[in-house]
């Protein structure tokens, strides 16, 4: 058991706009649905495959911006004028 309850963790990540994926990988025991709404049943191979597919789709749509120098993060915004991006791996 962690130091933080599930509701607090969900609120914190939501405020940061960090997606949270909760998978139940065992049929045994009580499901965590009360503490983790939206929990995905990944207790079989096909269900686990679907859970990974959803995770990959979410990660593929995320973007990271690295700005070198001293700038206030609140002054950075997105624009439709952006024409290119660099992908680092």
PDB file of N, CA and C in Angstrom:
ATOM      1  N   UNK A   1       0.838  -1.182   0.000  1.00  0.00           N
ATOM      2  CA  UNK A   1       0.000   0.000   0.000  1.00  0.00           C
ATOM      3  C   UNK A   1       0.881   1.243   0.000  1.00  0.00           C
ATOM      4  N   UNK A   2       0.583   2.161  -0.874  1.00  0.00           N
ATOM      5  CA  UNK A   2       1.364   3.383  -0.955  1.00  0.00           C
ATOM      6  C   UNK A   2       0.956   4.396   0.101  1.00  0.00           C
ATOM      7  N   UNK A   3       1.707   5.464   0.168  1.00  0.00           N
ATOM      8  CA  UNK A   3       1.417   6.526   1.133  1.00  0.00           C
ATOM      9  C   UNK A   3       0.251   7.397   0.686  1.00  0.00           C
ATOM     10  N   UNK A   4      -0.038   7.407  -0.599  1.00  0.00           N
ATOM     11  CA  UNK A   4      -1.113   8.227  -1.131  1.00  0.00           C
ATOM     12  C   UNK A   4      -2.280   7.350  -1.548  1.00  0.00           C
ATOM     13  N   UNK A   5      -3.491   7.830  -1.288  1.00  0.00           N
ATOM     14  CA  UNK A   5      -4.652   7.045  -1.703  1.00  0.00           C
ATOM     15  C   UNK A   5      -4.915   7.255  -3.197  1.00  0.00           C
ATOM     16  N   UNK A   6      -5.696   6.361  -3.761  1.00  0.00           N
ATOM     17  CA  UNK A   6      -5.946   6.359  -5.198  1.00  0.00           C
ATOM     18  C   UNK A   6      -6.560   7.671  -5.686  1.00  0.00           C
ATOM     19  N   UNK A   7      -7.502   8.219  -4.936  1.00  0.00           N
ATOM     20  CA  UNK A   7      -8.160   9.458  -5.357  1.00  0.00           C
ATOM     21  C   UNK A   7      -7.153  10.606  -5.457  1.00  0.00           C
ATOM     22  N   UNK A   8      -6.245  10.677  -4.519  1.00  0.00           N
ATOM     23  CA  UNK A   8      -5.245  11.754  -4.532  1.00  0.00           C
ATOM     24  C   UNK A   8      -4.298  11.595  -5.722  1.00  0.00           C
ATOM     25  N   UNK A   9      -3.907  10.371  -6.005  1.00  0.00           N
ATOM     26  CA  UNK A   9      -3.018  10.112  -7.146  1.00  0.00           C
ATOM     27  C   UNK A   9      -3.717  10.502  -8.446  1.00  0.00           C
ATOM     28  N   UNK A  10      -4.989  10.103  -8.593  1.00  0.00           N
ATOM     29  CA  UNK A  10      -5.743  10.448  -9.802  1.00  0.00           C
ATOM     30  C   UNK A  10      -5.853  11.958  -9.975  1.00  0.00           C
ATOM     31  N   UNK A  11      -6.170  12.677  -8.908  1.00  0.00           N
ATOM     32  CA  UNK A  11      -6.289  14.145  -8.988  1.00  0.00           C
ATOM     33  C   UNK A  11      -4.963  14.782  -9.375  1.00  0.00           C
ATOM     34  N   UNK A  12      -3.885  14.329  -8.744  1.00  0.00           N
ATOM     35  CA  UNK A  12      -2.559  14.894  -9.019  1.00  0.00           C
ATOM     36  C   UNK A  12      -2.192  14.714 -10.488  1.00  0.00           C
ATOM     37  N   UNK A  13      -2.324  13.512 -10.995  1.00  0.00           N
ATOM     38  CA  UNK A  13      -1.972  13.248 -12.392  1.00  0.00           C
ATOM     39  C   UNK A  13      -2.895  13.984 -13.347  1.00  0.00           C
ATOM     40  N   UNK A  14      -4.152  14.094 -12.994  1.00  0.00           N
ATOM     41  CA  UNK A  14      -5.101  14.821 -13.829  1.00  0.00           C
ATOM     42  C   UNK A  14      -4.722  16.292 -13.936  1.00  0.00           C
ATOM     43  N   UNK A  15      -4.323  16.892 -12.831  1.00  0.00           N
ATOM     44  CA  UNK A  15      -3.915  18.298 -12.847  1.00  0.00           C
ATOM     45  C   UNK A  15      -2.673  18.513 -13.706  1.00  0.00           C
ATOM     46  N   UNK A  16      -1.802  17.518 -13.751  1.00  0.00           N
ATOM     47  CA  UNK A  16      -0.610  17.600 -14.596  1.00  0.00           C
ATOM     48  C   UNK A  16      -0.907  17.201 -16.034  1.00  0.00           C
ATOM     49  N   UNK A  17      -2.128  16.752 -16.274  1.00  0.00           N
ATOM     50  CA  UNK A  17      -2.563  16.240 -17.579  1.00  0.00           C
ATOM     51  C   UNK A  17      -1.745  15.035 -18.020  1.00  0.00           C
ATOM     52  N   UNK A  18      -1.452  14.174 -17.057  1.00  0.00           N
ATOM     53  CA  UNK A  18      -0.730  12.933 -17.317  1.00  0.00           C
ATOM     54  C   UNK A  18      -1.765  11.807 -17.369  1.00  0.00           C
ATOM     55  N   UNK A  19      -1.854  11.111 -18.496  1.00  0.00           N
ATOM     56  CA  UNK A  19      -2.820  10.019 -18.577  1.00  0.00           C
ATOM     57  C   UNK A  19      -2.453   8.889 -17.618  1.00  0.00           C
ATOM     58  N   UNK A  20      -3.455   8.271 -17.060  1.00  0.00           N
ATOM     59  CA  UNK A  20      -3.247   7.164 -16.127  1.00  0.00           C
ATOM     60  C   UNK A  20      -3.951   5.931 -16.659  1.00  0.00           C
ATOM     61  N   UNK A  21      -3.220   4.864 -16.781  1.00  0.00           N
ATOM     62  CA  UNK A  21      -3.776   3.594 -17.212  1.00  0.00           C
ATOM     63  C   UNK A  21      -3.669   2.612 -16.045  1.00  0.00           C
ATOM     64  N   UNK A  22      -4.780   2.026 -15.671  1.00  0.00           N
ATOM     65  CA  UNK A  22      -4.788   1.035 -14.592  1.00  0.00           C
ATOM     66  C   UNK A  22      -5.306  -0.262 -15.183  1.00  0.00           C
ATOM     67  N   UNK A  23      -4.489  -1.289 -15.089  1.00  0.00           N
ATOM     68  CA  UNK A  23      -4.846  -2.598 -15.618  1.00  0.00           C
ATOM     69  C   UNK A  23      -4.981  -3.587 -14.482  1.00  0.00           C
ATOM     70  N   UNK A  24      -6.010  -4.429 -14.556  1.00  0.00           N
ATOM     71  CA  UNK A  24      -6.141  -5.546 -13.617  1.00  0.00           C
ATOM     72  C   UNK A  24      -5.690  -6.784 -14.378  1.00  0.00           C
ATOM     73  N   UNK A  25      -4.594  -7.387 -13.908  1.00  0.00           N
ATOM     74  CA  UNK A  25      -4.002  -8.510 -14.656  1.00  0.00           C
ATOM     75  C   UNK A  25      -4.291  -9.865 -14.015  1.00  0.00           C
ATOM     76  N   UNK A  26      -5.096  -9.876 -12.970  1.00  0.00           N
ATOM     77  CA  UNK A  26      -5.423 -11.138 -12.312  1.00  0.00           C
ATOM     78  C   UNK A  26      -6.928 -11.247 -12.130  1.00  0.00           C
ATOM     79  N   UNK A  27      -7.467 -12.409 -12.395  1.00  0.00           N
ATOM     80  CA  UNK A  27      -8.889 -12.658 -12.169  1.00  0.00           C
ATOM     81  C   UNK A  27      -9.166 -12.857 -10.680  1.00  0.00           C
ATOM     82  N   UNK A  28      -8.121 -13.222  -9.937  1.00  0.00           N
ATOM     83  CA  UNK A  28      -8.282 -13.496  -8.513  1.00  0.00           C
ATOM     84  C   UNK A  28      -8.313 -12.198  -7.720  1.00  0.00           C
ATOM     85  N   UNK A  29      -8.969 -12.231  -6.589  1.00  0.00           N
ATOM     86  CA  UNK A  29      -9.014 -11.056  -5.724  1.00  0.00           C
ATOM     87  C   UNK A  29     -10.068 -10.058  -6.167  1.00  0.00           C
ATOM     88  N   UNK A  30     -10.297  -9.102  -5.314  1.00  0.00           N
ATOM     89  CA  UNK A  30     -11.316  -8.091  -5.595  1.00  0.00           C
ATOM     90  C   UNK A  30     -10.803  -7.096  -6.631  1.00  0.00           C
ATOM     91  N   UNK A  31     -11.638  -6.753  -7.600  1.00  0.00           N
ATOM     92  CA  UNK A  31     -11.204  -5.736  -8.563  1.00  0.00           C
ATOM     93  C   UNK A  31     -11.045  -4.386  -7.884  1.00  0.00           C
ATOM     94  N   UNK A  32     -10.206  -3.568  -8.437  1.00  0.00           N
ATOM     95  CA  UNK A  32      -9.896  -2.265  -7.849  1.00  0.00           C
ATOM     96  C   UNK A  32     -10.816  -1.173  -8.384  1.00  0.00           C
ATOM     97  N   UNK A  33     -11.972  -1.551  -8.915  1.00  0.00           N
ATOM     98  CA  UNK A  33     -12.848  -0.588  -9.580  1.00  0.00           C
ATOM     99  C   UNK A  33     -13.262   0.557  -8.675  1.00  0.00           C
ATOM    100  N   UNK A  34     -13.458   0.310  -7.394  1.00  0.00           N
ATOM    101  CA  UNK A  34     -13.877   1.384  -6.497  1.00  0.00           C
ATOM    102  C   UNK A  34     -12.798   2.451  -6.365  1.00  0.00           C
ATOM    103  N   UNK A  35     -11.550   2.026  -6.226  1.00  0.00           N
ATOM    104  CA  UNK A  35     -10.444   2.966  -6.077  1.00  0.00           C
ATOM    105  C   UNK A  35      -9.952   3.504  -7.414  1.00  0.00           C
ATOM    106  N   UNK A  36     -10.111   2.731  -8.456  1.00  0.00           N
ATOM    107  CA  UNK A  36      -9.582   3.099  -9.767  1.00  0.00           C
ATOM    108  C   UNK A  36     -10.672   2.985 -10.825  1.00  0.00           C
ATOM    109  N   UNK A  37     -11.551   3.988 -10.942  1.00  0.00           N
ATOM    110  CA  UNK A  37     -12.571   3.929 -11.994  1.00  0.00           C
ATOM    111  C   UNK A  37     -11.911   3.843 -13.360  1.00  0.00           C
ATOM    112  N   UNK A  38     -12.477   3.065 -14.225  1.00  0.00           N
ATOM    113  CA  UNK A  38     -11.908   2.929 -15.563  1.00  0.00           C
ATOM    114  C   UNK A  38     -10.838   1.854 -15.654  1.00  0.00           C
ATOM    115  N   UNK A  39     -10.672   1.065 -14.579  1.00  0.00           N
ATOM    116  CA  UNK A  39      -9.680  -0.005 -14.613  1.00  0.00           C
ATOM    117  C   UNK A  39      -9.997  -0.942 -15.778  1.00  0.00           C
ATOM    118  N   UNK A  40      -8.967  -1.357 -16.495  1.00  0.00           N
ATOM    119  CA  UNK A  40      -9.121  -2.224 -17.664  1.00  0.00           C
ATOM    120  C   UNK A  40      -8.784  -3.653 -17.277  1.00  0.00           C
ATOM    121  N   UNK A  41      -9.667  -4.578 -17.622  1.00  0.00           N
ATOM    122  CA  UNK A  41      -9.405  -5.993 -17.369  1.00  0.00           C
ATOM    123  C   UNK A  41      -8.405  -6.477 -18.412  1.00  0.00           C
ATOM    124  N   UNK A  42      -7.186  -6.769 -17.969  1.00  0.00           N
ATOM    125  CA  UNK A  42      -6.125  -7.257 -18.857  1.00  0.00           C
ATOM    126  C   UNK A  42      -5.650  -8.615 -18.368  1.00  0.00           C
ATOM    127  N   UNK A  43      -6.592  -9.424 -17.916  1.00  0.00           N
ATOM    128  CA  UNK A  43      -6.234 -10.693 -17.282  1.00  0.00           C
ATOM    129  C   UNK A  43      -6.072 -11.846 -18.264  1.00  0.00           C
ATOM    130  N   UNK A  44      -6.341 -11.609 -19.544  1.00  0.00           N
ATOM    131  CA  UNK A  44      -6.097 -12.634 -20.561  1.00  0.00           C
ATOM    132  C   UNK A  44      -5.136 -12.043 -21.601  1.00  0.00           C
ATOM    133  N   UNK A  45      -4.547 -12.903 -22.375  1.00  0.00           N
ATOM    134  CA  UNK A  45      -3.595 -12.426 -23.389  1.00  0.00           C
ATOM    135  C   UNK A  45      -4.275 -11.481 -24.385  1.00  0.00           C
ATOM    136  N   UNK A  46      -5.452 -11.816 -24.923  1.00  0.00           N
ATOM    137  CA  UNK A  46      -6.087 -10.869 -25.854  1.00  0.00           C
ATOM    138  C   UNK A  46      -6.441  -9.530 -25.184  1.00  0.00           C
ATOM    139  N   UNK A  47      -6.892  -9.558 -23.947  1.00  0.00           N
ATOM    140  CA  UNK A  47      -7.225  -8.326 -23.243  1.00  0.00           C
ATOM    141  C   UNK A  47      -5.966  -7.502 -22.952  1.00  0.00           C
ATOM    142  N   UNK A  48      -4.870  -8.172 -22.603  1.00  0.00           N
ATOM    143  CA  UNK A  48      -3.613  -7.482 -22.366  1.00  0.00           C
ATOM    144  C   UNK A  48      -3.103  -6.839 -23.661  1.00  0.00           C
ATOM    145  N   UNK A  49      -3.258  -7.549 -24.763  1.00  0.00           N
ATOM    146  CA  UNK A  49      -2.862  -7.019 -26.075  1.00  0.00           C
ATOM    147  C   UNK A  49      -3.656  -5.746 -26.383  1.00  0.00           C
ATOM    148  N   UNK A  50      -4.947  -5.755 -26.108  1.00  0.00           N
ATOM    149  CA  UNK A  50      -5.784  -4.571 -26.332  1.00  0.00           C
ATOM    150  C   UNK A  50      -5.359  -3.413 -25.420  1.00  0.00           C
ATOM    151  N   UNK A  51      -5.016  -3.721 -24.176  1.00  0.00           N
ATOM    152  CA  UNK A  51      -4.571  -2.688 -23.242  1.00  0.00           C
ATOM    153  C   UNK A  51      -3.273  -2.048 -23.736  1.00  0.00           C
ATOM    154  N   UNK A  52      -2.340  -2.858 -24.223  1.00  0.00           N
ATOM    155  CA  UNK A  52      -1.091  -2.324 -24.770  1.00  0.00           C
ATOM    156  C   UNK A  52      -1.354  -1.476 -26.018  1.00  0.00           C
ATOM    157  N   UNK A  53      -2.304  -1.909 -26.842  1.00  0.00           N
ATOM    158  CA  UNK A  53      -2.643  -1.136 -28.042  1.00  0.00           C
ATOM    159  C   UNK A  53      -3.162   0.247 -27.651  1.00  0.00           C
ATOM    160  N   UNK A  54      -4.039   0.313 -26.658  1.00  0.00           N
ATOM    161  CA  UNK A  54      -4.568   1.604 -26.197  1.00  0.00           C
ATOM    162  C   UNK A  54      -3.448   2.478 -25.635  1.00  0.00           C
ATOM    163  N   UNK A  55      -2.526   1.864 -24.895  1.00  0.00           N
ATOM    164  CA  UNK A  55      -1.396   2.614 -24.336  1.00  0.00           C
ATOM    165  C   UNK A  55      -0.502   3.160 -25.449  1.00  0.00           C
ATOM    166  N   UNK A  56      -0.176   2.321 -26.436  1.00  0.00           N
ATOM    167  CA  UNK A  56       0.656   2.766 -27.562  1.00  0.00           C
ATOM    168  C   UNK A  56      -0.002   3.924 -28.312  1.00  0.00           C
ATOM    169  N   UNK A  57      -1.313   3.841 -28.517  1.00  0.00           N
ATOM    170  CA  UNK A  57      -2.031   4.911 -29.211  1.00  0.00           C
ATOM    171  C   UNK A  57      -1.929   6.218 -28.449  1.00  0.00           C
ATOM    172  N   UNK A  58      -2.084   6.156 -27.130  1.00  0.00           N
ATOM    173  CA  UNK A  58      -1.984   7.363 -26.306  1.00  0.00           C
ATOM    174  C   UNK A  58      -0.573   7.937 -26.354  1.00  0.00           C
ATOM    175  N   UNK A  59       0.436   7.089 -26.247  1.00  0.00           N
ATOM    176  CA  UNK A  59       1.819   7.565 -26.269  1.00  0.00           C
ATOM    177  C   UNK A  59       2.196   8.147 -27.624  1.00  0.00           C
ATOM    178  N   UNK A  60       1.645   7.599 -28.695  1.00  0.00           N
ATOM    179  CA  UNK A  60       1.961   8.092 -30.034  1.00  0.00           C
ATOM    180  C   UNK A  60       1.456   9.516 -30.240  1.00  0.00           C
ATOM    181  N   UNK A  61       0.438   9.905 -29.498  1.00  0.00           N
ATOM    182  CA  UNK A  61      -0.126  11.246 -29.682  1.00  0.00           C
ATOM    183  C   UNK A  61       0.509  12.287 -28.772  1.00  0.00           C
ATOM    184  N   UNK A  62       1.410  11.888 -27.905  1.00  0.00           N
ATOM    185  CA  UNK A  62       2.030  12.840 -26.985  1.00  0.00           C
ATOM    186  C   UNK A  62       3.216  13.529 -27.638  1.00  0.00           C
ATOM    187  N   UNK A  63       3.455  14.766 -27.223  1.00  0.00           N
ATOM    188  CA  UNK A  63       4.565  15.540 -27.739  1.00  0.00           C
ATOM    189  C   UNK A  63       5.337  16.149 -26.581  1.00  0.00           C
ATOM    190  N   UNK A  64       6.620  16.251 -26.744  1.00  0.00           N
ATOM    191  CA  UNK A  64       7.489  16.863 -25.741  1.00  0.00           C
ATOM    192  C   UNK A  64       8.211  18.019 -26.400  1.00  0.00           C
ATOM    193  N   UNK A  65       8.256  19.132 -25.721  1.00  0.00           N
ATOM    194  CA  UNK A  65       8.971  20.299 -26.225  1.00  0.00           C
ATOM    195  C   UNK A  65      10.127  20.575 -25.281  1.00  0.00           C
ATOM    196  N   UNK A  66      11.326  20.687 -25.832  1.00  0.00           N
ATOM    197  CA  UNK A  66      12.502  21.001 -25.039  1.00  0.00           C
ATOM    198  C   UNK A  66      13.000  22.357 -25.502  1.00  0.00           C
ATOM    199  N   UNK A  67      12.957  23.330 -24.618  1.00  0.00           N
ATOM    200  CA  UNK A  67      13.393  24.681 -24.949  1.00  0.00           C
ATOM    201  C   UNK A  67      14.650  24.969 -24.153  1.00  0.00           C
ATOM    202  N   UNK A  68      15.717  25.272 -24.860  1.00  0.00           N
ATOM    203  CA  UNK A  68      16.976  25.561 -24.191  1.00  0.00           C
ATOM    204  C   UNK A  68      17.039  27.053 -23.879  1.00  0.00           C
ATOM    205  N   UNK A  69      17.526  27.370 -22.706  1.00  0.00           N
ATOM    206  CA  UNK A  69      17.642  28.767 -22.306  1.00  0.00           C
ATOM    207  C   UNK A  69      16.728  29.067 -21.133  1.00  0.00           C
ATOM    208  N   UNK A  70      16.658  30.322 -20.805  1.00  0.00           N
ATOM    209  CA  UNK A  70      15.835  30.753 -19.679  1.00  0.00           C
ATOM    210  C   UNK A  70      14.542  31.362 -20.215  1.00  0.00           C
ATOM    211  N   UNK A  71      13.468  30.681 -19.977  1.00  0.00           N
ATOM    212  CA  UNK A  71      12.168  31.158 -20.428  1.00  0.00           C
ATOM    213  C   UNK A  71      11.108  30.671 -19.451  1.00  0.00           C
ATOM    214  N   UNK A  72      10.098  31.471 -19.245  1.00  0.00           N
ATOM    215  CA  UNK A  72       9.015  31.070 -18.362  1.00  0.00           C
ATOM    216  C   UNK A  72       8.109  30.085 -19.096  1.00  0.00           C
ATOM    217  N   UNK A  73       7.880  28.900 -18.525  1.00  0.00           N
ATOM    218  CA  UNK A  73       7.030  27.911 -19.196  1.00  0.00           C
ATOM    219  C   UNK A  73       5.641  28.454 -19.526  1.00  0.00           C
ATOM    220  N   UNK A  74       5.132  29.359 -18.718  1.00  0.00           N
ATOM    221  CA  UNK A  74       3.793  29.897 -18.961  1.00  0.00           C
ATOM    222  C   UNK A  74       3.744  30.769 -20.220  1.00  0.00           C
ATOM    223  N   UNK A  75       4.900  31.160 -20.748  1.00  0.00           N
ATOM    224  CA  UNK A  75       4.950  32.008 -21.943  1.00  0.00           C
ATOM    225  C   UNK A  75       5.086  31.181 -23.226  1.00  0.00           C
ATOM    226  N   UNK A  76       5.102  29.864 -23.089  1.00  0.00           N
ATOM    227  CA  UNK A  76       5.201  28.980 -24.252  1.00  0.00           C
ATOM    228  C   UNK A  76       3.804  28.525 -24.627  1.00  0.00           C
ATOM    229  N   UNK A  77       3.480  28.612 -25.896  1.00  0.00           N
ATOM    230  CA  UNK A  77       2.158  28.187 -26.352  1.00  0.00           C
ATOM    231  C   UNK A  77       2.250  27.451 -27.673  1.00  0.00           C
ATOM    232  N   UNK A  78       1.178  26.785 -28.026  1.00  0.00           N
ATOM    233  CA  UNK A  78       1.112  26.070 -29.298  1.00  0.00           C
ATOM    234  C   UNK A  78       0.524  26.981 -30.352  1.00  0.00           C
ATOM    235  N   UNK A  79       0.946  26.790 -31.569  1.00  0.00           N
ATOM    236  CA  UNK A  79       0.480  27.632 -32.656  1.00  0.00           C
ATOM    237  C   UNK A  79       0.241  26.775 -33.888  1.00  0.00           C
ATOM    238  N   UNK A  80      -0.726  27.156 -34.678  1.00  0.00           N
ATOM    239  CA  UNK A  80      -0.988  26.451 -35.942  1.00  0.00           C
ATOM    240  C   UNK A  80       0.062  26.809 -36.993  1.00  0.00           C
ATOM    241  N   UNK A  81       0.912  27.795 -36.692  1.00  0.00           N
ATOM    242  CA  UNK A  81       1.960  28.213 -37.630  1.00  0.00           C
ATOM    243  C   UNK A  81       3.180  27.279 -37.612  1.00  0.00           C
ATOM    244  N   UNK A  82       3.237  26.373 -36.658  1.00  0.00           N
ATOM    245  CA  UNK A  82       4.367  25.443 -36.591  1.00  0.00           C
ATOM    246  C   UNK A  82       4.378  24.597 -37.857  1.00  0.00           C
ATOM    247  N   UNK A  83       5.552  24.467 -38.476  1.00  0.00           N
ATOM    248  CA  UNK A  83       5.627  23.764 -39.764  1.00  0.00           C
ATOM    249  C   UNK A  83       6.481  22.507 -39.723  1.00  0.00           C
ATOM    250  N   UNK A  84       7.265  22.317 -38.691  1.00  0.00           N
ATOM    251  CA  UNK A  84       8.152  21.155 -38.670  1.00  0.00           C
ATOM    252  C   UNK A  84       8.406  20.730 -37.239  1.00  0.00           C
ATOM    253  N   UNK A  85       8.899  19.536 -37.118  1.00  0.00           N
ATOM    254  CA  UNK A  85       9.299  19.048 -35.813  1.00  0.00           C
ATOM    255  C   UNK A  85      10.483  18.121 -35.987  1.00  0.00           C
ATOM    256  N   UNK A  86      11.219  17.944 -34.932  1.00  0.00           N
ATOM    257  CA  UNK A  86      12.352  17.023 -34.917  1.00  0.00           C
ATOM    258  C   UNK A  86      12.022  15.929 -33.919  1.00  0.00           C
ATOM    259  N   UNK A  87      12.199  14.720 -34.325  1.00  0.00           N
ATOM    260  CA  UNK A  87      11.931  13.603 -33.429  1.00  0.00           C
ATOM    261  C   UNK A  87      13.253  13.005 -32.976  1.00  0.00           C
ATOM    262  N   UNK A  88      13.441  12.941 -31.684  1.00  0.00           N
ATOM    263  CA  UNK A  88      14.664  12.350 -31.120  1.00  0.00           C
ATOM    264  C   UNK A  88      14.316  10.987 -30.552  1.00  0.00           C
ATOM    265  N   UNK A  89      15.188  10.056 -30.786  1.00  0.00           N
ATOM    266  CA  UNK A  89      14.953   8.712 -30.233  1.00  0.00           C
ATOM    267  C   UNK A  89      16.156   8.259 -29.483  1.00  0.00           C
TER     268      UNK A  89
END
